[in-house]
């Protein structure tokens, strides 16, 4: 409390480890090579739109698919890429440059 009261910041041990790992170049994910994940062309389309921040309904509308089909594609993308959630998949898409043509 004294540290914060003095105007300094306190980081949790997890944040401190992540910052130190980043400084040492030990990031958890290397620059994205989506080809290694063997995604179908439709899965790549869905991944790009996830990376652009679209939800399933918006992706379905954009790609003329049902929402359940989009959900299946998202599930496949998460499984194939080892992403634990949409945020990780979106980061992968951005790092791979998949979202650049969508702007």
N, C-alpha and C. Protein backbone atom coordinates (compact mmCIF):
# COMPACT_ATOMS: atom_id res chain seq x y z
N UNK A 1 0.83 -1.18 0.00
CA UNK A 1 0.00 0.00 0.00
C UNK A 1 0.88 1.25 0.00
N UNK A 2 1.97 1.17 0.72
CA UNK A 2 2.87 2.32 0.76
C UNK A 2 3.44 2.62 -0.62
N UNK A 3 3.74 1.57 -1.36
CA UNK A 3 4.29 1.74 -2.70
C UNK A 3 3.30 2.46 -3.60
N UNK A 4 2.05 2.00 -3.59
CA UNK A 4 1.01 2.60 -4.41
C UNK A 4 0.73 4.03 -3.95
N UNK A 5 0.70 4.24 -2.64
CA UNK A 5 0.47 5.58 -2.09
C UNK A 5 1.58 6.55 -2.51
N UNK A 6 2.78 6.01 -2.71
CA UNK A 6 3.91 6.84 -3.13
C UNK A 6 3.89 7.12 -4.63
N UNK A 7 2.89 6.55 -5.33
CA UNK A 7 2.77 6.81 -6.76
C UNK A 7 3.40 5.76 -7.65
N UNK A 8 3.93 4.70 -7.05
CA UNK A 8 4.52 3.62 -7.84
C UNK A 8 3.47 2.55 -8.11
N UNK A 9 3.79 1.66 -9.02
CA UNK A 9 2.86 0.57 -9.36
C UNK A 9 3.37 -0.75 -8.81
N UNK A 10 2.45 -1.63 -8.54
CA UNK A 10 2.79 -2.97 -8.09
C UNK A 10 2.17 -3.94 -9.10
N UNK A 11 2.98 -4.86 -9.60
CA UNK A 11 2.49 -5.84 -10.56
C UNK A 11 2.37 -7.20 -9.89
N UNK A 12 1.38 -7.94 -10.31
CA UNK A 12 1.23 -9.30 -9.79
C UNK A 12 2.39 -10.15 -10.28
N UNK A 13 2.71 -11.24 -9.59
CA UNK A 13 3.81 -12.11 -10.03
C UNK A 13 3.63 -12.61 -11.45
N UNK A 14 2.38 -12.92 -11.85
CA UNK A 14 2.14 -13.40 -13.21
C UNK A 14 2.46 -12.34 -14.26
N UNK A 15 2.08 -11.11 -13.99
CA UNK A 15 2.37 -10.02 -14.92
C UNK A 15 3.87 -9.78 -14.97
N UNK A 16 4.52 -9.80 -13.84
CA UNK A 16 5.96 -9.60 -13.79
C UNK A 16 6.68 -10.67 -14.61
N UNK A 17 6.27 -11.94 -14.46
CA UNK A 17 6.88 -13.03 -15.25
C UNK A 17 6.68 -12.80 -16.74
N UNK A 18 5.47 -12.39 -17.13
CA UNK A 18 5.19 -12.16 -18.55
C UNK A 18 6.03 -11.02 -19.10
N UNK A 19 6.17 -9.95 -18.34
CA UNK A 19 6.99 -8.82 -18.79
C UNK A 19 8.45 -9.25 -18.93
N UNK A 20 8.95 -9.97 -17.95
CA UNK A 20 10.35 -10.42 -17.99
C UNK A 20 10.58 -11.38 -19.17
N UNK A 21 9.63 -12.28 -19.40
CA UNK A 21 9.76 -13.21 -20.52
C UNK A 21 9.77 -12.46 -21.84
N UNK A 22 8.92 -11.43 -21.93
CA UNK A 22 8.86 -10.63 -23.16
C UNK A 22 10.18 -9.90 -23.39
N UNK A 23 10.73 -9.36 -22.32
CA UNK A 23 12.01 -8.66 -22.43
C UNK A 23 13.13 -9.60 -22.85
N UNK A 24 13.05 -10.84 -22.41
CA UNK A 24 14.06 -11.83 -22.77
C UNK A 24 13.76 -12.48 -24.12
N UNK A 25 12.65 -12.13 -24.71
CA UNK A 25 12.29 -12.69 -26.02
C UNK A 25 11.66 -14.07 -25.92
N UNK A 26 11.12 -14.41 -24.77
CA UNK A 26 10.53 -15.72 -24.57
C UNK A 26 9.02 -15.66 -24.64
N UNK A 27 8.49 -15.10 -25.69
CA UNK A 27 7.04 -15.01 -25.80
C UNK A 27 6.46 -16.40 -25.96
N UNK A 28 5.23 -16.58 -25.52
CA UNK A 28 4.61 -17.89 -25.57
C UNK A 28 4.23 -18.32 -26.97
N UNK A 29 4.01 -17.39 -27.84
CA UNK A 29 3.66 -17.77 -29.20
C UNK A 29 4.59 -17.05 -30.18
N UNK A 30 5.13 -17.83 -31.07
CA UNK A 30 6.03 -17.29 -32.09
C UNK A 30 5.19 -16.57 -33.14
N UNK A 31 5.83 -15.78 -34.00
CA UNK A 31 5.07 -15.16 -35.08
C UNK A 31 4.26 -16.21 -35.83
N UNK A 32 3.09 -15.83 -36.18
CA UNK A 32 2.12 -16.78 -36.71
C UNK A 32 2.50 -17.34 -38.07
N UNK A 33 2.42 -18.62 -38.18
CA UNK A 33 2.53 -19.31 -39.46
C UNK A 33 1.28 -20.17 -39.56
N UNK A 34 0.22 -19.60 -40.08
CA UNK A 34 -1.06 -20.31 -40.10
C UNK A 34 -1.05 -21.51 -41.03
N UNK A 35 -0.14 -21.55 -41.98
CA UNK A 35 -0.07 -22.70 -42.89
C UNK A 35 0.22 -23.99 -42.11
N UNK A 36 0.95 -23.87 -41.02
CA UNK A 36 1.31 -25.03 -40.23
C UNK A 36 0.09 -25.66 -39.56
N UNK A 37 -0.99 -24.91 -39.45
CA UNK A 37 -2.18 -25.42 -38.77
C UNK A 37 -3.14 -26.15 -39.71
N UNK A 38 -2.85 -26.13 -40.99
CA UNK A 38 -3.64 -26.84 -42.00
C UNK A 38 -5.13 -26.48 -41.95
N UNK A 39 -5.39 -25.20 -41.93
CA UNK A 39 -6.77 -24.73 -41.95
C UNK A 39 -7.31 -24.77 -43.37
N UNK A 40 -8.59 -25.05 -43.50
CA UNK A 40 -9.23 -24.98 -44.82
C UNK A 40 -9.35 -23.52 -45.22
N UNK A 41 -9.67 -23.28 -46.47
CA UNK A 41 -9.81 -21.89 -46.92
C UNK A 41 -10.97 -21.20 -46.19
N UNK A 42 -12.03 -21.92 -45.91
CA UNK A 42 -13.16 -21.33 -45.19
C UNK A 42 -12.77 -21.04 -43.74
N UNK A 43 -12.00 -21.94 -43.12
CA UNK A 43 -11.52 -21.70 -41.76
C UNK A 43 -10.61 -20.48 -41.71
N UNK A 44 -9.81 -20.28 -42.75
CA UNK A 44 -8.97 -19.08 -42.83
C UNK A 44 -9.83 -17.83 -42.94
N UNK A 45 -10.91 -17.91 -43.74
CA UNK A 45 -11.84 -16.78 -43.85
C UNK A 45 -12.43 -16.44 -42.49
N UNK A 46 -12.88 -17.46 -41.79
CA UNK A 46 -13.49 -17.26 -40.47
C UNK A 46 -12.45 -16.71 -39.50
N UNK A 47 -11.25 -17.26 -39.52
CA UNK A 47 -10.19 -16.78 -38.63
C UNK A 47 -9.89 -15.31 -38.88
N UNK A 48 -9.84 -14.93 -40.13
CA UNK A 48 -9.57 -13.52 -40.46
C UNK A 48 -10.66 -12.61 -39.90
N UNK A 49 -11.90 -13.04 -40.00
CA UNK A 49 -13.01 -12.23 -39.50
C UNK A 49 -13.06 -12.22 -37.97
N UNK A 50 -12.66 -13.32 -37.35
CA UNK A 50 -12.52 -13.33 -35.90
C UNK A 50 -11.44 -12.31 -35.51
N UNK A 51 -10.36 -12.30 -36.26
CA UNK A 51 -9.28 -11.35 -36.01
C UNK A 51 -9.70 -9.91 -36.20
N UNK A 52 -10.67 -9.70 -37.05
CA UNK A 52 -11.20 -8.35 -37.28
C UNK A 52 -12.22 -7.95 -36.23
N UNK A 53 -12.53 -8.88 -35.31
CA UNK A 53 -13.43 -8.55 -34.22
C UNK A 53 -14.89 -8.86 -34.45
N UNK A 54 -15.21 -9.58 -35.51
CA UNK A 54 -16.61 -9.89 -35.77
C UNK A 54 -17.09 -11.04 -34.91
N UNK A 55 -18.36 -11.01 -34.53
CA UNK A 55 -18.95 -12.12 -33.79
C UNK A 55 -19.52 -13.13 -34.78
N UNK A 56 -20.03 -14.25 -34.27
CA UNK A 56 -20.52 -15.31 -35.16
C UNK A 56 -21.63 -14.84 -36.08
N UNK A 57 -22.55 -14.04 -35.57
CA UNK A 57 -23.66 -13.56 -36.41
C UNK A 57 -23.13 -12.69 -37.55
N UNK A 58 -22.19 -11.83 -37.24
CA UNK A 58 -21.61 -10.95 -38.27
C UNK A 58 -20.81 -11.74 -39.30
N UNK A 59 -20.08 -12.76 -38.83
CA UNK A 59 -19.32 -13.61 -39.76
C UNK A 59 -20.29 -14.37 -40.66
N UNK A 60 -21.35 -14.90 -40.07
CA UNK A 60 -22.35 -15.65 -40.85
C UNK A 60 -22.95 -14.78 -41.95
N UNK A 61 -23.28 -13.55 -41.60
CA UNK A 61 -23.86 -12.63 -42.58
C UNK A 61 -22.85 -12.32 -43.68
N UNK A 62 -21.62 -12.07 -43.30
CA UNK A 62 -20.57 -11.71 -44.26
C UNK A 62 -20.24 -12.83 -45.22
N UNK A 63 -20.25 -14.09 -44.71
CA UNK A 63 -19.86 -15.23 -45.54
C UNK A 63 -21.04 -16.03 -46.07
N UNK A 64 -22.27 -15.54 -45.80
CA UNK A 64 -23.49 -16.21 -46.26
C UNK A 64 -23.56 -17.65 -45.74
N UNK A 65 -23.32 -17.79 -44.44
CA UNK A 65 -23.37 -19.08 -43.76
C UNK A 65 -24.36 -19.00 -42.61
N UNK A 66 -24.76 -20.15 -42.09
CA UNK A 66 -25.58 -20.14 -40.88
C UNK A 66 -24.66 -19.92 -39.68
N UNK A 67 -25.26 -19.43 -38.60
CA UNK A 67 -24.46 -19.21 -37.39
C UNK A 67 -23.91 -20.52 -36.83
N UNK A 68 -24.65 -21.61 -36.98
CA UNK A 68 -24.15 -22.90 -36.48
C UNK A 68 -22.95 -23.37 -37.30
N UNK A 69 -22.95 -23.08 -38.59
CA UNK A 69 -21.80 -23.43 -39.42
C UNK A 69 -20.59 -22.60 -39.01
N UNK A 70 -20.79 -21.33 -38.76
CA UNK A 70 -19.70 -20.47 -38.31
C UNK A 70 -19.16 -20.98 -36.98
N UNK A 71 -20.06 -21.35 -36.08
CA UNK A 71 -19.64 -21.86 -34.78
C UNK A 71 -18.78 -23.12 -34.95
N UNK A 72 -19.16 -23.98 -35.88
CA UNK A 72 -18.37 -25.18 -36.16
C UNK A 72 -16.99 -24.81 -36.69
N UNK A 73 -16.93 -23.85 -37.59
CA UNK A 73 -15.64 -23.41 -38.13
C UNK A 73 -14.77 -22.80 -37.03
N UNK A 74 -15.37 -21.99 -36.17
CA UNK A 74 -14.61 -21.39 -35.08
C UNK A 74 -14.07 -22.49 -34.16
N UNK A 75 -14.89 -23.46 -33.85
CA UNK A 75 -14.46 -24.58 -33.01
C UNK A 75 -13.29 -25.31 -33.65
N UNK A 76 -13.37 -25.55 -34.96
CA UNK A 76 -12.28 -26.22 -35.68
C UNK A 76 -11.01 -25.38 -35.66
N UNK A 77 -11.15 -24.08 -35.87
CA UNK A 77 -10.00 -23.17 -35.86
C UNK A 77 -9.32 -23.20 -34.49
N UNK A 78 -10.11 -23.13 -33.43
CA UNK A 78 -9.54 -23.15 -32.09
C UNK A 78 -8.80 -24.47 -31.84
N UNK A 79 -9.40 -25.57 -32.27
CA UNK A 79 -8.77 -26.88 -32.06
C UNK A 79 -7.49 -27.02 -32.87
N UNK A 80 -7.53 -26.65 -34.13
CA UNK A 80 -6.36 -26.82 -35.00
C UNK A 80 -5.21 -25.90 -34.62
N UNK A 81 -5.53 -24.72 -34.15
CA UNK A 81 -4.47 -23.76 -33.81
C UNK A 81 -4.01 -23.87 -32.36
N UNK A 82 -4.76 -24.64 -31.57
CA UNK A 82 -4.42 -24.76 -30.16
C UNK A 82 -4.75 -23.51 -29.37
N UNK A 83 -5.63 -22.69 -29.93
CA UNK A 83 -6.05 -21.45 -29.25
C UNK A 83 -7.08 -21.80 -28.20
N UNK A 84 -6.93 -21.27 -27.00
CA UNK A 84 -7.87 -21.60 -25.93
C UNK A 84 -9.14 -20.78 -25.99
N UNK A 85 -9.12 -19.68 -26.77
CA UNK A 85 -10.32 -18.86 -26.89
C UNK A 85 -10.22 -17.98 -28.14
N UNK A 86 -11.29 -17.25 -28.42
CA UNK A 86 -11.34 -16.39 -29.61
C UNK A 86 -10.28 -15.31 -29.60
N UNK A 87 -9.95 -14.83 -28.41
CA UNK A 87 -8.95 -13.77 -28.31
C UNK A 87 -7.60 -14.28 -28.82
N UNK A 88 -7.22 -15.49 -28.41
CA UNK A 88 -5.95 -16.06 -28.88
C UNK A 88 -5.99 -16.28 -30.39
N UNK A 89 -7.12 -16.73 -30.90
CA UNK A 89 -7.26 -16.93 -32.34
C UNK A 89 -7.17 -15.59 -33.07
N UNK A 90 -7.78 -14.55 -32.51
CA UNK A 90 -7.72 -13.22 -33.12
C UNK A 90 -6.29 -12.71 -33.16
N UNK A 91 -5.55 -12.92 -32.10
CA UNK A 91 -4.14 -12.51 -32.07
C UNK A 91 -3.36 -13.24 -33.15
N UNK A 92 -3.62 -14.53 -33.30
CA UNK A 92 -2.97 -15.31 -34.35
C UNK A 92 -3.27 -14.73 -35.72
N UNK A 93 -4.54 -14.40 -35.96
CA UNK A 93 -4.95 -13.84 -37.25
C UNK A 93 -4.25 -12.51 -37.52
N UNK A 94 -4.17 -11.68 -36.51
CA UNK A 94 -3.53 -10.37 -36.68
C UNK A 94 -2.05 -10.53 -36.95
N UNK A 95 -1.38 -11.39 -36.17
CA UNK A 95 0.06 -11.62 -36.36
C UNK A 95 0.36 -12.21 -37.73
N UNK A 96 -0.57 -13.01 -38.24
CA UNK A 96 -0.38 -13.63 -39.55
C UNK A 96 -0.71 -12.68 -40.69
N UNK A 97 -1.27 -11.51 -40.36
CA UNK A 97 -1.61 -10.55 -41.40
C UNK A 97 -2.90 -10.85 -42.11
N UNK A 98 -3.73 -11.71 -41.54
CA UNK A 98 -4.98 -12.08 -42.20
C UNK A 98 -6.02 -10.97 -42.19
N UNK A 99 -5.88 -10.02 -41.28
CA UNK A 99 -6.89 -8.97 -41.15
C UNK A 99 -6.57 -7.72 -41.97
N UNK A 100 -5.41 -7.67 -42.57
CA UNK A 100 -4.98 -6.46 -43.26
C UNK A 100 -5.87 -6.09 -44.44
N UNK A 101 -6.38 -7.07 -45.16
CA UNK A 101 -7.22 -6.79 -46.33
C UNK A 101 -8.65 -6.46 -45.93
N UNK A 102 -8.99 -6.62 -44.66
CA UNK A 102 -10.36 -6.39 -44.21
C UNK A 102 -10.59 -4.95 -43.76
N UNK A 103 -9.55 -4.17 -43.67
CA UNK A 103 -9.68 -2.78 -43.17
C UNK A 103 -10.18 -1.85 -44.22
